[in-house]
Amino acid sequence: MTQPNLITLTDPRSPAAEAYRTLRTNLLFSSVDDPVRAVIVTSPAPEEGKSTALANLAVTMAQSGRRTIIVDADLRRPTQHEIWGVASEPGLTTMMLEDLDELPLVDVGVENLRLLPSGPLPPTPADLVGSARMDAVIARLQEEADFLLFDAPPVIAVSDAAILGSKLDGVLLVVRAGSTRRDDAEQAKQILERLGVRIVGAVLTNAELDQRRGRYYG
C-alpha cells in the first residue's frame, strides 16, 4: 500500500507535525462536559487544504492510541482515497445503499487508523448525507471508533457540510493563508451558525510563522 506523503508521517518532529498534535489536544480537551468524538473538517471554498489537514490530524489521533476512522463524506470531489493510495469503492455510499454485514473500512498502514472511502458518487449528495441512512451509518461507525473525522465539501459551495455538521459534534474550519478571502470565511461561519452547527475550531494552513527561528508551518 502506498505510504501517504503526510508531514505527520514523513517528518514527525517538524513544527508542522507538532502543530497538528497541538490541534489534537485542543480538540480532545475543548469541552470536558461535552467531549468531541465526531468532527467534520471543511473549508469556506475549494483548494484550502482541508483534506490534507484532516489526514494529518487523523494520524496524530491514531498515534495517541485512539481508534480513529476517516470518513470521506465529500461525495462530490472525494480525495481521501488518493491521499492514502487506495480504491474509492466500496465506501460510505455503499454502506448507505446496501445492507453490508461488514464495514468497508480500509487499513491505511497506520496503527489505529482506518479509512471509509466515499464509495460511488450519488446524483444528489445533500439528500444522502441528510438522510436517516446517514444517521445509521454514523451510529455504526461510533461503535467502531474513539474518534471520527468526516471530510466534507466546502461550506459556501454546497449545503452538505452544514447538513452533516448538525448530526455530529461540530465542525473544524480550514482556511488557507494568502488564499482564503475574509468575506468567504465570515460567510461560512454565518452559514454554520445560522443552522446551529457548532464550530469547534479553525485551522490555518500555509502560514509562515516565527521566521526568526526559521520555522515554517506548511
N, C-alpha and C. Protein backbone atom coordinates (compact mmCIF):
# COMPACT_ATOMS: atom_id res chain seq x y z
N MET A 1 0.85 -1.20 0.00
CA MET A 1 0.00 0.00 0.00
C MET A 1 0.87 1.24 0.00
N THR A 2 0.49 2.23 -0.79
CA THR A 2 1.26 3.46 -0.89
C THR A 2 1.25 4.23 0.42
N GLN A 3 2.43 4.59 0.86
CA GLN A 3 2.52 5.39 2.09
C GLN A 3 2.22 6.84 1.77
N PRO A 4 1.29 7.47 2.45
CA PRO A 4 0.92 8.85 2.13
C PRO A 4 2.05 9.83 2.44
N ASN A 5 2.14 10.85 1.63
CA ASN A 5 3.15 11.89 1.84
C ASN A 5 2.57 12.94 2.78
N LEU A 6 2.52 12.61 4.06
CA LEU A 6 1.94 13.49 5.07
C LEU A 6 3.02 13.87 6.07
N ILE A 7 3.02 15.14 6.47
CA ILE A 7 4.08 15.67 7.32
C ILE A 7 4.13 14.96 8.67
N THR A 8 3.00 14.53 9.18
CA THR A 8 2.98 13.85 10.48
C THR A 8 3.63 12.47 10.40
N LEU A 9 3.78 11.94 9.18
CA LEU A 9 4.45 10.66 8.99
C LEU A 9 5.86 10.83 8.45
N THR A 10 6.02 11.76 7.51
CA THR A 10 7.33 11.92 6.88
C THR A 10 8.32 12.72 7.73
N ASP A 11 7.81 13.62 8.56
CA ASP A 11 8.69 14.44 9.40
C ASP A 11 7.99 14.72 10.73
N PRO A 12 7.83 13.69 11.57
CA PRO A 12 7.03 13.83 12.79
C PRO A 12 7.60 14.80 13.82
N ARG A 13 8.87 15.17 13.69
CA ARG A 13 9.48 16.11 14.64
C ARG A 13 9.41 17.56 14.16
N SER A 14 8.83 17.79 13.02
CA SER A 14 8.77 19.13 12.45
C SER A 14 7.77 20.00 13.21
N PRO A 15 7.92 21.32 13.13
CA PRO A 15 6.95 22.22 13.76
C PRO A 15 5.53 22.01 13.24
N ALA A 16 5.40 21.68 11.95
CA ALA A 16 4.07 21.46 11.39
C ALA A 16 3.40 20.24 12.02
N ALA A 17 4.17 19.15 12.18
CA ALA A 17 3.62 17.96 12.82
C ALA A 17 3.24 18.25 14.27
N GLU A 18 4.07 19.03 14.94
CA GLU A 18 3.76 19.41 16.32
C GLU A 18 2.49 20.25 16.39
N ALA A 19 2.28 21.07 15.37
CA ALA A 19 1.07 21.89 15.32
C ALA A 19 -0.18 21.02 15.23
N TYR A 20 -0.09 19.93 14.48
CA TYR A 20 -1.23 19.01 14.40
C TYR A 20 -1.47 18.29 15.72
N ARG A 21 -0.39 17.97 16.44
CA ARG A 21 -0.57 17.35 17.75
C ARG A 21 -1.20 18.33 18.74
N THR A 22 -0.84 19.60 18.62
CA THR A 22 -1.47 20.62 19.46
C THR A 22 -2.95 20.75 19.13
N LEU A 23 -3.27 20.70 17.84
CA LEU A 23 -4.67 20.74 17.42
C LEU A 23 -5.44 19.55 18.00
N ARG A 24 -4.83 18.38 17.93
CA ARG A 24 -5.46 17.19 18.51
C ARG A 24 -5.77 17.40 19.98
N THR A 25 -4.81 17.90 20.74
CA THR A 25 -5.01 18.13 22.17
C THR A 25 -6.12 19.14 22.42
N ASN A 26 -6.12 20.21 21.65
CA ASN A 26 -7.16 21.23 21.81
C ASN A 26 -8.55 20.67 21.55
N LEU A 27 -8.67 19.81 20.55
CA LEU A 27 -9.97 19.21 20.25
C LEU A 27 -10.43 18.28 21.36
N LEU A 28 -9.51 17.46 21.83
CA LEU A 28 -9.86 16.47 22.84
C LEU A 28 -10.24 17.11 24.17
N PHE A 29 -9.66 18.28 24.45
CA PHE A 29 -9.93 18.92 25.74
C PHE A 29 -10.74 20.21 25.59
N SER A 30 -11.40 20.36 24.44
CA SER A 30 -12.17 21.58 24.19
C SER A 30 -13.37 21.70 25.11
N SER A 31 -13.92 20.56 25.52
CA SER A 31 -15.06 20.58 26.43
C SER A 31 -15.10 19.28 27.22
N VAL A 32 -14.85 19.39 28.49
CA VAL A 32 -14.85 18.19 29.34
C VAL A 32 -16.26 17.65 29.51
N ASP A 33 -17.24 18.56 29.64
CA ASP A 33 -18.62 18.15 29.86
C ASP A 33 -19.29 17.62 28.59
N ASP A 34 -18.82 18.09 27.44
CA ASP A 34 -19.40 17.67 26.16
C ASP A 34 -18.28 17.31 25.20
N PRO A 35 -17.66 16.14 25.39
CA PRO A 35 -16.47 15.78 24.62
C PRO A 35 -16.75 15.66 23.12
N VAL A 36 -15.75 16.00 22.34
CA VAL A 36 -15.84 15.92 20.89
C VAL A 36 -15.32 14.57 20.43
N ARG A 37 -16.18 13.82 19.71
CA ARG A 37 -15.78 12.49 19.23
C ARG A 37 -16.01 12.31 17.73
N ALA A 38 -16.79 13.21 17.13
CA ALA A 38 -17.07 13.11 15.70
C ALA A 38 -17.11 14.51 15.12
N VAL A 39 -16.18 14.79 14.20
CA VAL A 39 -15.99 16.15 13.71
C VAL A 39 -15.94 16.15 12.18
N ILE A 40 -16.53 17.19 11.61
CA ILE A 40 -16.40 17.45 10.18
C ILE A 40 -15.22 18.40 9.97
N VAL A 41 -14.43 18.12 8.96
CA VAL A 41 -13.37 19.04 8.55
C VAL A 41 -13.76 19.58 7.18
N THR A 42 -13.91 20.89 7.09
CA THR A 42 -14.32 21.51 5.83
C THR A 42 -13.62 22.86 5.69
N SER A 43 -13.99 23.60 4.66
CA SER A 43 -13.38 24.90 4.40
C SER A 43 -14.43 25.81 3.78
N PRO A 44 -14.19 27.11 3.76
CA PRO A 44 -15.15 28.00 3.12
C PRO A 44 -15.27 27.74 1.62
N ALA A 45 -14.14 27.55 0.94
CA ALA A 45 -14.10 27.39 -0.50
C ALA A 45 -13.12 26.27 -0.87
N PRO A 46 -13.08 25.85 -2.14
CA PRO A 46 -12.16 24.79 -2.55
C PRO A 46 -10.69 25.19 -2.46
N GLU A 47 -9.82 24.18 -2.52
CA GLU A 47 -8.37 24.36 -2.61
C GLU A 47 -7.77 25.08 -1.40
N GLU A 48 -8.28 24.75 -0.20
CA GLU A 48 -7.74 25.38 1.00
C GLU A 48 -7.05 24.39 1.94
N GLY A 49 -6.89 23.15 1.47
CA GLY A 49 -6.11 22.17 2.22
C GLY A 49 -6.86 21.38 3.26
N LYS A 50 -8.19 21.33 3.19
CA LYS A 50 -8.97 20.65 4.22
C LYS A 50 -8.68 19.15 4.29
N SER A 51 -8.56 18.52 3.15
CA SER A 51 -8.41 17.06 3.14
C SER A 51 -7.05 16.63 3.68
N THR A 52 -6.00 17.36 3.31
CA THR A 52 -4.67 17.06 3.83
C THR A 52 -4.58 17.35 5.32
N ALA A 53 -5.20 18.46 5.74
CA ALA A 53 -5.23 18.79 7.16
C ALA A 53 -5.94 17.71 7.96
N LEU A 54 -7.05 17.23 7.42
CA LEU A 54 -7.79 16.15 8.09
C LEU A 54 -6.93 14.90 8.21
N ALA A 55 -6.26 14.52 7.13
CA ALA A 55 -5.45 13.30 7.15
C ALA A 55 -4.33 13.40 8.18
N ASN A 56 -3.67 14.56 8.27
CA ASN A 56 -2.61 14.74 9.26
C ASN A 56 -3.16 14.70 10.68
N LEU A 57 -4.29 15.33 10.90
CA LEU A 57 -4.92 15.29 12.22
C LEU A 57 -5.29 13.87 12.60
N ALA A 58 -5.80 13.11 11.64
CA ALA A 58 -6.18 11.72 11.89
C ALA A 58 -4.98 10.88 12.31
N VAL A 59 -3.83 11.13 11.67
CA VAL A 59 -2.62 10.39 12.04
C VAL A 59 -2.27 10.65 13.50
N THR A 60 -2.32 11.91 13.92
CA THR A 60 -1.97 12.21 15.31
C THR A 60 -2.97 11.62 16.29
N MET A 61 -4.24 11.59 15.91
CA MET A 61 -5.25 10.95 16.77
C MET A 61 -4.92 9.47 16.95
N ALA A 62 -4.62 8.81 15.84
CA ALA A 62 -4.30 7.39 15.89
C ALA A 62 -3.02 7.13 16.68
N GLN A 63 -2.05 8.01 16.53
CA GLN A 63 -0.78 7.84 17.24
C GLN A 63 -0.94 8.01 18.75
N SER A 64 -2.01 8.66 19.17
CA SER A 64 -2.27 8.81 20.61
C SER A 64 -2.97 7.59 21.20
N GLY A 65 -3.19 6.57 20.36
CA GLY A 65 -3.79 5.33 20.84
C GLY A 65 -5.29 5.26 20.66
N ARG A 66 -5.89 6.25 20.02
CA ARG A 66 -7.33 6.27 19.82
C ARG A 66 -7.69 5.61 18.49
N ARG A 67 -8.69 4.74 18.54
CA ARG A 67 -9.19 4.13 17.30
C ARG A 67 -9.85 5.23 16.47
N THR A 68 -9.27 5.50 15.32
CA THR A 68 -9.69 6.64 14.51
C THR A 68 -10.15 6.18 13.14
N ILE A 69 -11.26 6.75 12.68
CA ILE A 69 -11.76 6.45 11.34
C ILE A 69 -11.93 7.75 10.57
N ILE A 70 -11.35 7.80 9.39
CA ILE A 70 -11.59 8.89 8.44
C ILE A 70 -12.77 8.48 7.57
N VAL A 71 -13.72 9.38 7.43
CA VAL A 71 -14.88 9.13 6.57
C VAL A 71 -14.86 10.16 5.45
N ASP A 72 -14.73 9.70 4.21
CA ASP A 72 -14.74 10.64 3.09
C ASP A 72 -16.19 10.92 2.71
N ALA A 73 -16.74 11.98 3.31
CA ALA A 73 -18.12 12.38 3.04
C ALA A 73 -18.19 13.50 2.01
N ASP A 74 -17.09 13.77 1.33
CA ASP A 74 -17.12 14.69 0.20
C ASP A 74 -17.55 13.87 -1.01
N LEU A 75 -18.85 13.81 -1.22
CA LEU A 75 -19.41 12.96 -2.26
C LEU A 75 -19.50 13.66 -3.61
N ARG A 76 -18.73 14.74 -3.74
CA ARG A 76 -18.66 15.48 -5.00
C ARG A 76 -17.25 15.40 -5.59
N ARG A 77 -16.24 15.66 -4.74
CA ARG A 77 -14.85 15.56 -5.18
C ARG A 77 -14.03 14.86 -4.09
N PRO A 78 -14.25 13.58 -3.88
CA PRO A 78 -13.52 12.87 -2.81
C PRO A 78 -12.04 12.77 -3.13
N THR A 79 -11.21 12.92 -2.08
CA THR A 79 -9.76 12.85 -2.29
C THR A 79 -9.04 11.97 -1.28
N GLN A 80 -9.72 11.53 -0.23
CA GLN A 80 -9.01 10.75 0.79
C GLN A 80 -8.43 9.47 0.21
N HIS A 81 -9.12 8.83 -0.72
CA HIS A 81 -8.57 7.61 -1.31
C HIS A 81 -7.29 7.90 -2.09
N GLU A 82 -7.20 9.10 -2.67
CA GLU A 82 -5.98 9.48 -3.39
C GLU A 82 -4.84 9.76 -2.41
N ILE A 83 -5.14 10.43 -1.31
CA ILE A 83 -4.12 10.73 -0.31
C ILE A 83 -3.50 9.45 0.23
N TRP A 84 -4.34 8.44 0.45
CA TRP A 84 -3.87 7.20 1.06
C TRP A 84 -3.54 6.11 0.05
N GLY A 85 -3.77 6.36 -1.23
CA GLY A 85 -3.41 5.40 -2.26
C GLY A 85 -4.23 4.13 -2.24
N VAL A 86 -5.56 4.27 -2.05
CA VAL A 86 -6.44 3.12 -2.01
C VAL A 86 -7.60 3.34 -2.98
N ALA A 87 -8.43 2.32 -3.15
CA ALA A 87 -9.59 2.42 -4.03
C ALA A 87 -10.69 3.25 -3.36
N SER A 88 -11.51 3.91 -4.16
CA SER A 88 -12.60 4.72 -3.62
C SER A 88 -13.87 3.92 -3.35
N GLU A 89 -13.93 2.71 -3.86
CA GLU A 89 -15.09 1.84 -3.68
C GLU A 89 -14.66 0.46 -3.19
N PRO A 90 -15.49 -0.17 -2.36
CA PRO A 90 -16.74 0.30 -1.74
C PRO A 90 -16.44 1.31 -0.65
N GLY A 91 -17.51 2.01 -0.18
CA GLY A 91 -17.28 3.02 0.83
C GLY A 91 -18.57 3.51 1.47
N LEU A 92 -18.62 4.79 1.76
CA LEU A 92 -19.73 5.38 2.51
C LEU A 92 -21.07 5.18 1.81
N THR A 93 -21.14 5.51 0.53
CA THR A 93 -22.42 5.36 -0.16
C THR A 93 -22.81 3.89 -0.30
N THR A 94 -21.84 3.01 -0.38
CA THR A 94 -22.13 1.58 -0.41
C THR A 94 -22.84 1.16 0.87
N MET A 95 -22.35 1.68 2.01
CA MET A 95 -22.98 1.37 3.30
C MET A 95 -24.42 1.87 3.35
N MET A 96 -24.66 3.06 2.77
CA MET A 96 -25.99 3.64 2.84
C MET A 96 -26.98 2.98 1.89
N LEU A 97 -26.49 2.45 0.80
CA LEU A 97 -27.38 1.90 -0.22
C LEU A 97 -27.48 0.39 -0.20
N GLU A 98 -26.58 -0.27 0.53
CA GLU A 98 -26.60 -1.73 0.61
C GLU A 98 -26.55 -2.17 2.07
N ASP A 99 -27.10 -3.31 2.35
CA ASP A 99 -27.09 -3.85 3.71
C ASP A 99 -25.85 -4.72 3.87
N LEU A 100 -24.77 -4.11 4.32
CA LEU A 100 -23.49 -4.82 4.43
C LEU A 100 -23.32 -5.45 5.81
N ASP A 101 -22.84 -6.67 5.82
CA ASP A 101 -22.55 -7.33 7.08
C ASP A 101 -21.28 -6.78 7.71
N GLU A 102 -20.31 -6.42 6.88
CA GLU A 102 -19.05 -5.89 7.36
C GLU A 102 -18.83 -4.48 6.82
N LEU A 103 -18.24 -3.63 7.65
CA LEU A 103 -17.95 -2.28 7.22
C LEU A 103 -16.81 -2.28 6.20
N PRO A 104 -16.93 -1.52 5.10
CA PRO A 104 -15.87 -1.50 4.09
C PRO A 104 -14.73 -0.55 4.47
N LEU A 105 -14.17 -0.78 5.66
CA LEU A 105 -13.08 0.07 6.14
C LEU A 105 -11.75 -0.43 5.58
N VAL A 106 -10.86 0.52 5.29
CA VAL A 106 -9.58 0.21 4.67
C VAL A 106 -8.45 0.50 5.64
N ASP A 107 -7.54 -0.46 5.79
CA ASP A 107 -6.33 -0.26 6.60
C ASP A 107 -5.35 0.59 5.79
N VAL A 108 -4.96 1.74 6.32
CA VAL A 108 -4.08 2.65 5.56
C VAL A 108 -2.62 2.54 5.97
N GLY A 109 -2.30 1.57 6.80
CA GLY A 109 -0.91 1.35 7.17
C GLY A 109 -0.44 2.12 8.39
N VAL A 110 -1.36 2.77 9.09
CA VAL A 110 -1.06 3.47 10.33
C VAL A 110 -1.85 2.80 11.45
N GLU A 111 -1.17 2.41 12.50
CA GLU A 111 -1.85 1.72 13.60
C GLU A 111 -2.98 2.58 14.15
N ASN A 112 -4.12 1.94 14.40
CA ASN A 112 -5.32 2.57 14.96
C ASN A 112 -6.08 3.46 13.98
N LEU A 113 -5.65 3.49 12.72
CA LEU A 113 -6.30 4.38 11.75
C LEU A 113 -6.86 3.58 10.57
N ARG A 114 -8.15 3.83 10.27
CA ARG A 114 -8.79 3.22 9.11
C ARG A 114 -9.55 4.28 8.32
N LEU A 115 -9.81 3.97 7.07
CA LEU A 115 -10.49 4.89 6.17
C LEU A 115 -11.76 4.27 5.62
N LEU A 116 -12.83 5.06 5.62
CA LEU A 116 -14.04 4.70 4.89
C LEU A 116 -14.09 5.61 3.67
N PRO A 117 -13.74 5.09 2.48
CA PRO A 117 -13.74 5.93 1.28
C PRO A 117 -15.15 6.40 0.94
N SER A 118 -15.25 7.21 -0.09
CA SER A 118 -16.55 7.78 -0.46
C SER A 118 -17.51 6.74 -1.00
N GLY A 119 -17.00 5.78 -1.76
CA GLY A 119 -17.89 4.88 -2.49
C GLY A 119 -18.35 5.55 -3.78
N PRO A 120 -19.24 4.91 -4.55
CA PRO A 120 -19.74 5.51 -5.79
C PRO A 120 -20.42 6.84 -5.53
N LEU A 121 -20.19 7.83 -6.39
CA LEU A 121 -20.75 9.16 -6.18
C LEU A 121 -22.23 9.18 -6.54
N PRO A 122 -23.07 9.70 -5.65
CA PRO A 122 -24.52 9.71 -5.88
C PRO A 122 -24.95 10.94 -6.69
N PRO A 123 -26.14 10.91 -7.28
CA PRO A 123 -26.61 12.06 -8.05
C PRO A 123 -27.01 13.24 -7.17
N THR A 124 -27.45 12.98 -5.95
CA THR A 124 -27.88 14.05 -5.04
C THR A 124 -27.22 13.86 -3.67
N PRO A 125 -25.96 14.29 -3.54
CA PRO A 125 -25.22 14.07 -2.29
C PRO A 125 -25.88 14.68 -1.06
N ALA A 126 -26.44 15.88 -1.16
CA ALA A 126 -27.03 16.55 0.00
C ALA A 126 -28.18 15.73 0.57
N ASP A 127 -28.99 15.15 -0.31
CA ASP A 127 -30.11 14.33 0.16
C ASP A 127 -29.61 13.10 0.90
N LEU A 128 -28.51 12.54 0.40
CA LEU A 128 -27.98 11.33 1.02
C LEU A 128 -27.38 11.61 2.39
N VAL A 129 -26.59 12.68 2.51
CA VAL A 129 -25.96 12.96 3.81
C VAL A 129 -27.00 13.43 4.84
N GLY A 130 -28.13 13.93 4.39
CA GLY A 130 -29.16 14.37 5.31
C GLY A 130 -30.17 13.30 5.66
N SER A 131 -29.99 12.10 5.14
CA SER A 131 -30.97 11.04 5.31
C SER A 131 -30.81 10.28 6.62
N ALA A 132 -31.84 9.52 6.95
CA ALA A 132 -31.79 8.65 8.13
C ALA A 132 -30.74 7.55 7.95
N ARG A 133 -30.45 7.21 6.72
CA ARG A 133 -29.41 6.20 6.46
C ARG A 133 -28.05 6.71 6.93
N MET A 134 -27.80 7.99 6.75
CA MET A 134 -26.55 8.55 7.24
C MET A 134 -26.50 8.49 8.76
N ASP A 135 -27.61 8.76 9.41
CA ASP A 135 -27.68 8.65 10.88
C ASP A 135 -27.28 7.25 11.33
N ALA A 136 -27.78 6.25 10.61
CA ALA A 136 -27.48 4.86 10.96
C ALA A 136 -26.02 4.54 10.75
N VAL A 137 -25.44 5.07 9.68
CA VAL A 137 -24.01 4.85 9.41
C VAL A 137 -23.16 5.47 10.50
N ILE A 138 -23.49 6.70 10.90
CA ILE A 138 -22.74 7.38 11.95
C ILE A 138 -22.78 6.57 13.24
N ALA A 139 -23.97 6.09 13.61
CA ALA A 139 -24.12 5.30 14.83
C ALA A 139 -23.27 4.03 14.77
N ARG A 140 -23.24 3.40 13.62
CA ARG A 140 -22.46 2.17 13.48
C ARG A 140 -20.96 2.44 13.55
N LEU A 141 -20.53 3.53 12.93
CA LEU A 141 -19.12 3.88 12.97
C LEU A 141 -18.66 4.25 14.37
N GLN A 142 -19.54 4.89 15.13
CA GLN A 142 -19.18 5.29 16.50
C GLN A 142 -18.95 4.07 17.39
N GLU A 143 -19.53 2.95 17.02
CA GLU A 143 -19.28 1.71 17.76
C GLU A 143 -17.89 1.16 17.48
N GLU A 144 -17.31 1.58 16.36
CA GLU A 144 -16.03 1.03 15.91
C GLU A 144 -14.84 1.93 16.23
N ALA A 145 -15.11 3.17 16.66
CA ALA A 145 -14.01 4.14 16.79
C ALA A 145 -14.15 4.99 18.03
N ASP A 146 -13.01 5.51 18.46
CA ASP A 146 -12.99 6.50 19.54
C ASP A 146 -13.13 7.91 18.97
N PHE A 147 -12.73 8.07 17.70
CA PHE A 147 -12.80 9.40 17.08
C PHE A 147 -13.08 9.25 15.60
N LEU A 148 -14.04 10.06 15.11
CA LEU A 148 -14.42 10.06 13.70
C LEU A 148 -14.11 11.42 13.09
N LEU A 149 -13.51 11.41 11.91
CA LEU A 149 -13.21 12.64 11.17
C LEU A 149 -13.84 12.54 9.79
N PHE A 150 -14.79 13.44 9.51
CA PHE A 150 -15.52 13.43 8.24
C PHE A 150 -14.98 14.53 7.32
N ASP A 151 -14.56 14.14 6.13
CA ASP A 151 -14.15 15.10 5.11
C ASP A 151 -15.41 15.52 4.36
N ALA A 152 -15.70 16.83 4.31
CA ALA A 152 -16.92 17.32 3.67
C ALA A 152 -16.60 18.42 2.67
N PRO A 153 -17.48 18.65 1.70
CA PRO A 153 -17.26 19.70 0.71
C PRO A 153 -17.22 21.09 1.34
N PRO A 154 -16.71 22.07 0.63
CA PRO A 154 -16.67 23.44 1.14
C PRO A 154 -18.06 23.96 1.52
N VAL A 155 -18.12 24.78 2.54
CA VAL A 155 -19.39 25.24 3.10
C VAL A 155 -20.16 26.13 2.13
N ILE A 156 -19.48 27.07 1.49
CA ILE A 156 -20.17 28.04 0.65
C ILE A 156 -20.69 27.39 -0.63
N ALA A 157 -19.95 26.43 -1.16
CA ALA A 157 -20.30 25.85 -2.46
C ALA A 157 -21.60 25.06 -2.41
N VAL A 158 -21.75 24.22 -1.38
CA VAL A 158 -22.93 23.33 -1.28
C VAL A 158 -23.33 23.20 0.18
N SER A 159 -24.48 22.59 0.42
CA SER A 159 -25.02 22.51 1.78
C SER A 159 -24.59 21.28 2.55
N ASP A 160 -23.85 20.37 1.94
CA ASP A 160 -23.52 19.08 2.56
C ASP A 160 -22.89 19.21 3.94
N ALA A 161 -21.87 20.08 4.05
CA ALA A 161 -21.13 20.21 5.30
C ALA A 161 -22.03 20.70 6.43
N ALA A 162 -22.88 21.68 6.13
CA ALA A 162 -23.77 22.21 7.16
C ALA A 162 -24.79 21.17 7.59
N ILE A 163 -25.32 20.40 6.64
CA ILE A 163 -26.28 19.34 6.96
C ILE A 163 -25.62 18.29 7.84
N LEU A 164 -24.45 17.85 7.44
CA LEU A 164 -23.74 16.83 8.20
C LEU A 164 -23.29 17.35 9.56
N GLY A 165 -22.93 18.63 9.61
CA GLY A 165 -22.49 19.22 10.87
C GLY A 165 -23.55 19.17 11.95
N SER A 166 -24.81 19.23 11.55
CA SER A 166 -25.90 19.18 12.52
C SER A 166 -26.06 17.80 13.15
N LYS A 167 -25.44 16.80 12.56
CA LYS A 167 -25.55 15.42 13.04
C LYS A 167 -24.38 15.02 13.94
N LEU A 168 -23.30 15.83 13.93
CA LEU A 168 -22.07 15.47 14.63
C LEU A 168 -21.76 16.47 15.73
N ASP A 169 -20.58 16.32 16.34
CA ASP A 169 -20.23 17.16 17.49
C ASP A 169 -19.79 18.57 17.09
N GLY A 170 -19.43 18.75 15.83
CA GLY A 170 -19.02 20.07 15.43
C GLY A 170 -18.22 20.07 14.14
N VAL A 171 -17.79 21.27 13.76
CA VAL A 171 -17.07 21.49 12.51
C VAL A 171 -15.72 22.14 12.80
N LEU A 172 -14.71 21.64 12.13
CA LEU A 172 -13.38 22.25 12.14
C LEU A 172 -13.21 22.93 10.80
N LEU A 173 -13.03 24.25 10.81
CA LEU A 173 -12.99 25.03 9.58
C LEU A 173 -11.53 25.31 9.18
N VAL A 174 -11.17 24.92 7.98
CA VAL A 174 -9.81 25.11 7.47
C VAL A 174 -9.77 26.32 6.54
N VAL A 175 -8.86 27.24 6.82
CA VAL A 175 -8.65 28.39 5.95
C VAL A 175 -7.17 28.44 5.56
N ARG A 176 -6.90 28.98 4.40
CA ARG A 176 -5.54 28.99 3.86
C ARG A 176 -4.98 30.39 3.81
N ALA A 177 -3.83 30.58 4.43
CA ALA A 177 -3.19 31.90 4.45
C ALA A 177 -2.85 32.34 3.03
N GLY A 178 -3.17 33.60 2.72
CA GLY A 178 -2.86 34.14 1.42
C GLY A 178 -3.80 33.70 0.32
N SER A 179 -4.84 32.92 0.67
CA SER A 179 -5.75 32.40 -0.34
C SER A 179 -7.22 32.62 0.05
N THR A 180 -7.58 32.20 1.26
CA THR A 180 -8.97 32.34 1.69
C THR A 180 -9.36 33.81 1.83
N ARG A 181 -10.46 34.18 1.23
CA ARG A 181 -10.94 35.54 1.35
C ARG A 181 -11.63 35.72 2.69
N ARG A 182 -11.44 36.87 3.31
CA ARG A 182 -12.03 37.15 4.61
C ARG A 182 -13.55 37.04 4.57
N ASP A 183 -14.17 37.57 3.50
CA ASP A 183 -15.63 37.51 3.44
C ASP A 183 -16.13 36.09 3.24
N ASP A 184 -15.34 35.24 2.58
CA ASP A 184 -15.72 33.82 2.44
C ASP A 184 -15.70 33.13 3.80
N ALA A 185 -14.67 33.41 4.59
CA ALA A 185 -14.57 32.80 5.92
C ALA A 185 -15.74 33.26 6.80
N GLU A 186 -16.06 34.54 6.72
CA GLU A 186 -17.16 35.07 7.52
C GLU A 186 -18.50 34.49 7.07
N GLN A 187 -18.67 34.34 5.75
CA GLN A 187 -19.91 33.77 5.24
C GLN A 187 -20.07 32.32 5.67
N ALA A 188 -18.97 31.55 5.61
CA ALA A 188 -19.02 30.15 6.04
C ALA A 188 -19.41 30.06 7.52
N LYS A 189 -18.82 30.91 8.33
CA LYS A 189 -19.14 30.94 9.75
C LYS A 189 -20.62 31.26 9.97
N GLN A 190 -21.13 32.22 9.24
CA GLN A 190 -22.53 32.61 9.38
C GLN A 190 -23.48 31.49 8.97
N ILE A 191 -23.14 30.80 7.89
CA ILE A 191 -23.97 29.69 7.42
C ILE A 191 -24.07 28.60 8.48
N LEU A 192 -22.93 28.25 9.04
CA LEU A 192 -22.91 27.19 10.06
C LEU A 192 -23.65 27.61 11.32
N GLU A 193 -23.41 28.82 11.77
CA GLU A 193 -24.06 29.29 12.99
C GLU A 193 -25.56 29.44 12.81
N ARG A 194 -25.99 29.85 11.62
CA ARG A 194 -27.42 30.01 11.36
C ARG A 194 -28.16 28.67 11.47
N LEU A 195 -27.47 27.59 11.15
CA LEU A 195 -28.07 26.27 11.23
C LEU A 195 -27.80 25.59 12.57
N GLY A 196 -27.19 26.32 13.50
CA GLY A 196 -26.93 25.78 14.83
C GLY A 196 -25.79 24.79 14.88
N VAL A 197 -24.90 24.84 13.90
CA VAL A 197 -23.76 23.92 13.87
C VAL A 197 -22.64 24.49 14.73
N ARG A 198 -22.11 23.67 15.58
CA ARG A 198 -21.04 24.09 16.49
C ARG A 198 -19.69 24.12 15.77
N ILE A 199 -19.02 25.26 15.80
CA ILE A 199 -17.67 25.38 15.24
C ILE A 199 -16.68 25.13 16.37
N VAL A 200 -15.98 24.01 16.30
CA VAL A 200 -15.08 23.63 17.40
C VAL A 200 -13.70 24.24 17.26
N GLY A 201 -13.40 24.80 16.10
CA GLY A 201 -12.09 25.42 15.93
C GLY A 201 -11.81 25.73 14.48
N ALA A 202 -10.64 26.31 14.24
CA ALA A 202 -10.21 26.65 12.89
C ALA A 202 -8.74 26.27 12.72
N VAL A 203 -8.38 25.95 11.49
CA VAL A 203 -7.01 25.59 11.15
C VAL A 203 -6.53 26.52 10.06
N LEU A 204 -5.36 27.13 10.26
CA LEU A 204 -4.76 28.00 9.25
C LEU A 204 -3.64 27.23 8.56
N THR A 205 -3.81 26.95 7.29
CA THR A 205 -2.78 26.24 6.53
C THR A 205 -1.93 27.22 5.75
N ASN A 206 -0.74 26.76 5.34
CA ASN A 206 0.18 27.56 4.52
C ASN A 206 0.60 28.85 5.21
N ALA A 207 0.69 28.82 6.54
CA ALA A 207 1.03 30.03 7.29
C ALA A 207 2.48 29.98 7.74
N GLU A 208 3.24 31.01 7.39
CA GLU A 208 4.63 31.10 7.81
C GLU A 208 4.67 31.78 9.18
N LEU A 209 5.35 31.13 10.13
CA LEU A 209 5.40 31.63 11.50
C LEU A 209 6.83 31.67 12.02
N ASP A 210 7.09 32.63 12.86
CA ASP A 210 8.34 32.70 13.60
C ASP A 210 9.56 32.59 12.68
N GLN A 211 9.67 33.52 11.75
CA GLN A 211 10.78 33.48 10.79
C GLN A 211 12.12 33.62 11.46
N ARG A 212 12.19 34.25 12.63
CA ARG A 212 13.47 34.44 13.32
C ARG A 212 14.10 33.12 13.70
N ARG A 213 13.27 32.10 13.88
CA ARG A 213 13.79 30.78 14.21
C ARG A 213 13.80 29.85 13.01
N GLY A 214 13.42 30.38 11.85
CA GLY A 214 13.47 29.57 10.64
C GLY A 214 12.43 28.47 10.62
N ARG A 215 11.31 28.69 11.31
CA ARG A 215 10.30 27.62 11.38
C ARG A 215 9.17 27.94 10.41
N TYR A 216 8.67 26.89 9.77
CA TYR A 216 7.60 27.08 8.80
C TYR A 216 6.52 26.02 9.03
N TYR A 217 5.29 26.52 9.16
CA TYR A 217 4.16 25.62 9.30
C TYR A 217 3.48 25.55 7.94
N GLY A 218 3.60 24.40 7.27
CA GLY A 218 3.02 24.28 5.93
C GLY A 218 1.57 23.88 5.99
